[in-house]
Amino acid sequence: MNNGTKSGVMKHLKADIKTFEHEKQDDVKLMKKLKKAPKKHERKESKSKKKIEKVEREFKEGKLHSGSKKGPVVTNPKQAIAIAMSEAGKSRKSRK
């Protein structure tokens, strides 16, 4: 290689490095924006998760009733899961 080719390659490498640095800065900015974005879905998920945990706890304690408190006590774990999903609003199709 002669000196003219080396300097041309070096110019291209320097340009590539600058491009990568700019892309990295853009990625960092994007990540900061994503971290600041409100997480509405996660809040809804946590509310439903708490509701499911509450119903499961009632089932384990033997205090979960089908229907109202006057109804029979639930003994089938599958029925308890169905009640929990229904109360948390997870059994319905999402509306979009």
N, C-alpha and C. Protein backbone atom coordinates (compact mmCIF):
# COMPACT_ATOMS: atom_id res chain seq x y z
N MET A 1 0.83 -1.19 0.00
CA MET A 1 0.00 0.00 0.00
C MET A 1 0.87 1.25 0.00
N ASN A 2 0.45 2.20 -0.77
CA ASN A 2 1.20 3.44 -0.74
C ASN A 2 0.56 4.40 0.26
N ASN A 3 1.18 5.50 0.52
CA ASN A 3 0.70 6.45 1.53
C ASN A 3 -0.65 7.06 1.17
N GLY A 4 -0.94 7.23 -0.11
CA GLY A 4 -2.21 7.80 -0.53
C GLY A 4 -3.37 6.89 -0.15
N THR A 5 -3.20 5.59 -0.27
CA THR A 5 -4.25 4.65 0.07
C THR A 5 -4.46 4.59 1.58
N LYS A 6 -3.37 4.63 2.33
CA LYS A 6 -3.47 4.58 3.78
C LYS A 6 -4.24 5.79 4.31
N SER A 7 -3.94 6.95 3.79
CA SER A 7 -4.62 8.14 4.29
C SER A 7 -6.10 8.11 3.92
N GLY A 8 -6.42 7.54 2.76
CA GLY A 8 -7.82 7.42 2.36
C GLY A 8 -8.57 6.47 3.28
N VAL A 9 -7.93 5.36 3.66
CA VAL A 9 -8.54 4.40 4.56
C VAL A 9 -8.72 5.02 5.94
N MET A 10 -7.74 5.77 6.39
CA MET A 10 -7.82 6.41 7.70
C MET A 10 -8.96 7.42 7.74
N LYS A 11 -9.17 8.16 6.64
CA LYS A 11 -10.27 9.13 6.58
C LYS A 11 -11.61 8.42 6.71
N HIS A 12 -11.73 7.28 6.01
CA HIS A 12 -12.98 6.52 6.08
C HIS A 12 -13.22 5.97 7.49
N LEU A 13 -12.16 5.46 8.11
CA LEU A 13 -12.29 4.94 9.46
C LEU A 13 -12.70 6.04 10.45
N LYS A 14 -12.10 7.21 10.33
CA LYS A 14 -12.46 8.32 11.21
C LYS A 14 -13.91 8.73 11.00
N ALA A 15 -14.35 8.73 9.76
CA ALA A 15 -15.75 9.08 9.47
C ALA A 15 -16.69 8.03 10.06
N ASP A 16 -16.31 6.76 9.95
CA ASP A 16 -17.13 5.68 10.53
C ASP A 16 -17.21 5.80 12.04
N ILE A 17 -16.10 6.15 12.66
CA ILE A 17 -16.08 6.29 14.12
C ILE A 17 -17.00 7.43 14.54
N LYS A 18 -16.97 8.55 13.82
CA LYS A 18 -17.85 9.67 14.15
C LYS A 18 -19.32 9.25 14.00
N THR A 19 -19.61 8.50 12.95
CA THR A 19 -20.98 8.04 12.72
C THR A 19 -21.44 7.15 13.86
N PHE A 20 -20.59 6.23 14.27
CA PHE A 20 -20.95 5.34 15.37
C PHE A 20 -21.15 6.11 16.67
N GLU A 21 -20.33 7.14 16.92
CA GLU A 21 -20.48 7.94 18.12
C GLU A 21 -21.80 8.68 18.12
N HIS A 22 -22.19 9.22 16.97
CA HIS A 22 -23.48 9.91 16.88
C HIS A 22 -24.64 8.94 17.10
N GLU A 23 -24.54 7.75 16.52
CA GLU A 23 -25.59 6.75 16.71
C GLU A 23 -25.69 6.33 18.18
N LYS A 24 -24.55 6.22 18.83
CA LYS A 24 -24.54 5.85 20.24
C LYS A 24 -25.22 6.94 21.08
N GLN A 25 -24.93 8.21 20.77
CA GLN A 25 -25.57 9.31 21.49
C GLN A 25 -27.08 9.30 21.27
N ASP A 26 -27.50 9.02 20.03
CA ASP A 26 -28.94 8.94 19.75
C ASP A 26 -29.58 7.80 20.53
N ASP A 27 -28.89 6.66 20.62
CA ASP A 27 -29.42 5.53 21.38
C ASP A 27 -29.55 5.87 22.86
N VAL A 28 -28.58 6.59 23.39
CA VAL A 28 -28.62 6.98 24.80
C VAL A 28 -29.81 7.91 25.05
N LYS A 29 -30.02 8.87 24.14
CA LYS A 29 -31.16 9.78 24.27
C LYS A 29 -32.48 9.02 24.22
N LEU A 30 -32.57 8.07 23.31
CA LEU A 30 -33.79 7.28 23.18
C LEU A 30 -34.06 6.46 24.44
N MET A 31 -33.02 5.87 25.00
CA MET A 31 -33.19 5.08 26.22
C MET A 31 -33.66 5.97 27.38
N LYS A 32 -33.15 7.19 27.47
CA LYS A 32 -33.59 8.10 28.53
C LYS A 32 -35.06 8.45 28.36
N LYS A 33 -35.49 8.67 27.11
CA LYS A 33 -36.90 8.97 26.86
C LYS A 33 -37.78 7.80 27.24
N LEU A 34 -37.34 6.60 26.93
CA LEU A 34 -38.13 5.42 27.24
C LEU A 34 -38.26 5.22 28.74
N LYS A 35 -37.22 5.52 29.49
CA LYS A 35 -37.27 5.38 30.94
C LYS A 35 -38.21 6.39 31.56
N LYS A 36 -38.33 7.59 30.97
CA LYS A 36 -39.19 8.62 31.50
C LYS A 36 -40.65 8.43 31.10
N ALA A 37 -40.90 7.62 30.09
CA ALA A 37 -42.27 7.45 29.59
C ALA A 37 -43.14 6.81 30.66
N PRO A 38 -44.39 7.27 30.79
CA PRO A 38 -45.29 6.68 31.78
C PRO A 38 -45.61 5.23 31.44
N LYS A 39 -45.69 4.43 32.45
CA LYS A 39 -45.92 2.99 32.24
C LYS A 39 -47.33 2.66 32.71
N LYS A 40 -48.31 3.06 31.90
CA LYS A 40 -49.70 2.85 32.25
C LYS A 40 -50.03 1.37 32.32
N HIS A 41 -49.50 0.61 31.37
CA HIS A 41 -49.82 -0.81 31.30
C HIS A 41 -49.34 -1.54 32.56
N GLU A 42 -48.16 -1.15 33.05
CA GLU A 42 -47.63 -1.82 34.24
C GLU A 42 -48.48 -1.53 35.47
N ARG A 43 -49.01 -0.30 35.58
CA ARG A 43 -49.85 0.02 36.73
C ARG A 43 -51.12 -0.81 36.70
N LYS A 44 -51.72 -0.95 35.53
CA LYS A 44 -52.93 -1.74 35.40
C LYS A 44 -52.63 -3.20 35.72
N GLU A 45 -51.48 -3.67 35.26
CA GLU A 45 -51.08 -5.05 35.50
C GLU A 45 -50.91 -5.30 36.99
N SER A 46 -50.35 -4.36 37.72
CA SER A 46 -50.11 -4.57 39.14
C SER A 46 -51.43 -4.60 39.92
N LYS A 47 -52.41 -3.77 39.50
CA LYS A 47 -53.70 -3.78 40.18
C LYS A 47 -54.38 -5.13 40.00
N SER A 48 -54.35 -5.65 38.78
CA SER A 48 -55.00 -6.93 38.53
C SER A 48 -54.25 -8.06 39.23
N LYS A 49 -52.93 -7.92 39.29
CA LYS A 49 -52.13 -8.94 39.97
C LYS A 49 -52.47 -8.99 41.46
N LYS A 50 -52.63 -7.82 42.07
CA LYS A 50 -52.99 -7.76 43.48
C LYS A 50 -54.36 -8.39 43.72
N LYS A 51 -55.29 -8.15 42.81
CA LYS A 51 -56.63 -8.70 42.94
C LYS A 51 -56.59 -10.22 42.85
N ILE A 52 -55.81 -10.76 41.92
CA ILE A 52 -55.68 -12.20 41.77
C ILE A 52 -55.07 -12.81 43.03
N GLU A 53 -54.03 -12.16 43.56
CA GLU A 53 -53.39 -12.66 44.78
C GLU A 53 -54.36 -12.67 45.95
N LYS A 54 -55.21 -11.64 46.03
CA LYS A 54 -56.19 -11.56 47.12
C LYS A 54 -57.18 -12.73 47.03
N VAL A 55 -57.68 -12.99 45.83
CA VAL A 55 -58.65 -14.08 45.65
C VAL A 55 -57.99 -15.43 45.94
N GLU A 56 -56.75 -15.61 45.49
CA GLU A 56 -56.05 -16.87 45.75
C GLU A 56 -55.84 -17.07 47.26
N ARG A 57 -55.53 -15.99 47.95
CA ARG A 57 -55.35 -16.07 49.40
C ARG A 57 -56.65 -16.48 50.09
N GLU A 58 -57.77 -15.90 49.64
CA GLU A 58 -59.08 -16.27 50.20
C GLU A 58 -59.36 -17.75 49.96
N PHE A 59 -59.00 -18.23 48.78
CA PHE A 59 -59.24 -19.64 48.46
C PHE A 59 -58.43 -20.55 49.39
N LYS A 60 -57.17 -20.21 49.58
CA LYS A 60 -56.32 -21.03 50.45
C LYS A 60 -56.81 -21.03 51.89
N GLU A 61 -57.37 -19.90 52.33
CA GLU A 61 -57.88 -19.82 53.69
C GLU A 61 -59.26 -20.46 53.82
N GLY A 62 -59.88 -20.80 52.68
CA GLY A 62 -61.21 -21.40 52.71
C GLY A 62 -62.32 -20.39 52.88
N LYS A 63 -62.06 -19.14 52.51
CA LYS A 63 -63.05 -18.08 52.68
C LYS A 63 -63.61 -17.57 51.35
N LEU A 64 -63.25 -18.21 50.25
CA LEU A 64 -63.71 -17.77 48.94
C LEU A 64 -65.06 -18.40 48.64
N HIS A 65 -66.04 -17.57 48.36
CA HIS A 65 -67.39 -18.04 48.06
C HIS A 65 -67.70 -17.80 46.59
N SER A 66 -68.50 -18.67 46.01
CA SER A 66 -68.96 -18.44 44.64
C SER A 66 -70.20 -17.56 44.71
N GLY A 67 -70.22 -16.53 43.90
CA GLY A 67 -71.34 -15.60 43.95
C GLY A 67 -71.17 -14.63 45.09
N SER A 68 -72.09 -14.67 46.05
CA SER A 68 -72.01 -13.75 47.20
C SER A 68 -71.44 -14.49 48.40
N LYS A 69 -71.38 -13.82 49.52
CA LYS A 69 -70.87 -14.45 50.75
C LYS A 69 -71.81 -15.53 51.26
N LYS A 70 -73.05 -15.52 50.79
CA LYS A 70 -74.01 -16.55 51.19
C LYS A 70 -73.87 -17.81 50.35
N GLY A 71 -73.16 -17.70 49.23
CA GLY A 71 -73.00 -18.86 48.34
C GLY A 71 -72.06 -19.88 48.94
N PRO A 72 -71.99 -21.06 48.32
CA PRO A 72 -71.12 -22.11 48.85
C PRO A 72 -69.63 -21.75 48.73
N VAL A 73 -68.83 -22.34 49.60
CA VAL A 73 -67.39 -22.10 49.59
C VAL A 73 -66.79 -22.84 48.39
N VAL A 74 -65.85 -22.19 47.72
CA VAL A 74 -65.20 -22.76 46.54
C VAL A 74 -64.15 -23.77 47.00
N THR A 75 -64.22 -24.99 46.45
CA THR A 75 -63.23 -26.02 46.80
C THR A 75 -62.39 -26.42 45.60
N ASN A 76 -62.83 -26.08 44.41
CA ASN A 76 -62.11 -26.45 43.19
C ASN A 76 -61.11 -25.34 42.83
N PRO A 77 -59.82 -25.66 42.74
CA PRO A 77 -58.82 -24.64 42.43
C PRO A 77 -59.05 -23.99 41.06
N LYS A 78 -59.55 -24.74 40.08
CA LYS A 78 -59.81 -24.17 38.76
C LYS A 78 -60.91 -23.11 38.85
N GLN A 79 -61.90 -23.37 39.68
CA GLN A 79 -62.97 -22.40 39.85
C GLN A 79 -62.44 -21.15 40.54
N ALA A 80 -61.53 -21.32 41.48
CA ALA A 80 -60.92 -20.17 42.17
C ALA A 80 -60.14 -19.31 41.18
N ILE A 81 -59.41 -19.94 40.27
CA ILE A 81 -58.65 -19.20 39.26
C ILE A 81 -59.61 -18.44 38.34
N ALA A 82 -60.71 -19.09 37.97
CA ALA A 82 -61.70 -18.43 37.10
C ALA A 82 -62.30 -17.21 37.80
N ILE A 83 -62.59 -17.32 39.08
CA ILE A 83 -63.13 -16.20 39.83
C ILE A 83 -62.10 -15.06 39.91
N ALA A 84 -60.85 -15.43 40.16
CA ALA A 84 -59.79 -14.43 40.27
C ALA A 84 -59.61 -13.68 38.95
N MET A 85 -59.59 -14.40 37.85
CA MET A 85 -59.41 -13.77 36.54
C MET A 85 -60.60 -12.87 36.21
N SER A 86 -61.78 -13.30 36.58
CA SER A 86 -62.98 -12.53 36.31
C SER A 86 -62.97 -11.23 37.11
N GLU A 87 -62.63 -11.31 38.38
CA GLU A 87 -62.60 -10.11 39.23
C GLU A 87 -61.51 -9.14 38.80
N ALA A 88 -60.40 -9.67 38.28
CA ALA A 88 -59.30 -8.81 37.85
C ALA A 88 -59.54 -8.24 36.46
N GLY A 89 -60.59 -8.72 35.78
CA GLY A 89 -60.91 -8.22 34.45
C GLY A 89 -60.06 -8.82 33.36
N LYS A 90 -59.45 -9.96 33.63
CA LYS A 90 -58.58 -10.60 32.66
C LYS A 90 -59.30 -11.64 31.81
N SER A 91 -60.52 -11.99 32.17
CA SER A 91 -61.21 -13.04 31.44
C SER A 91 -61.91 -12.49 30.19
N ARG A 92 -62.09 -11.15 30.15
CA ARG A 92 -62.75 -10.54 29.00
C ARG A 92 -61.76 -10.23 27.89
N LYS A 93 -62.27 -10.17 26.66
CA LYS A 93 -61.42 -9.77 25.54
C LYS A 93 -61.12 -8.28 25.68
N SER A 94 -59.93 -7.89 25.27
CA SER A 94 -59.57 -6.47 25.37
C SER A 94 -60.28 -5.70 24.26
N ARG A 95 -60.68 -4.50 24.59
CA ARG A 95 -61.36 -3.64 23.61
C ARG A 95 -60.35 -2.69 23.00
N LYS A 96 -60.21 -2.76 21.70
CA LYS A 96 -59.26 -1.85 21.01
C LYS A 96 -59.92 -1.24 19.81
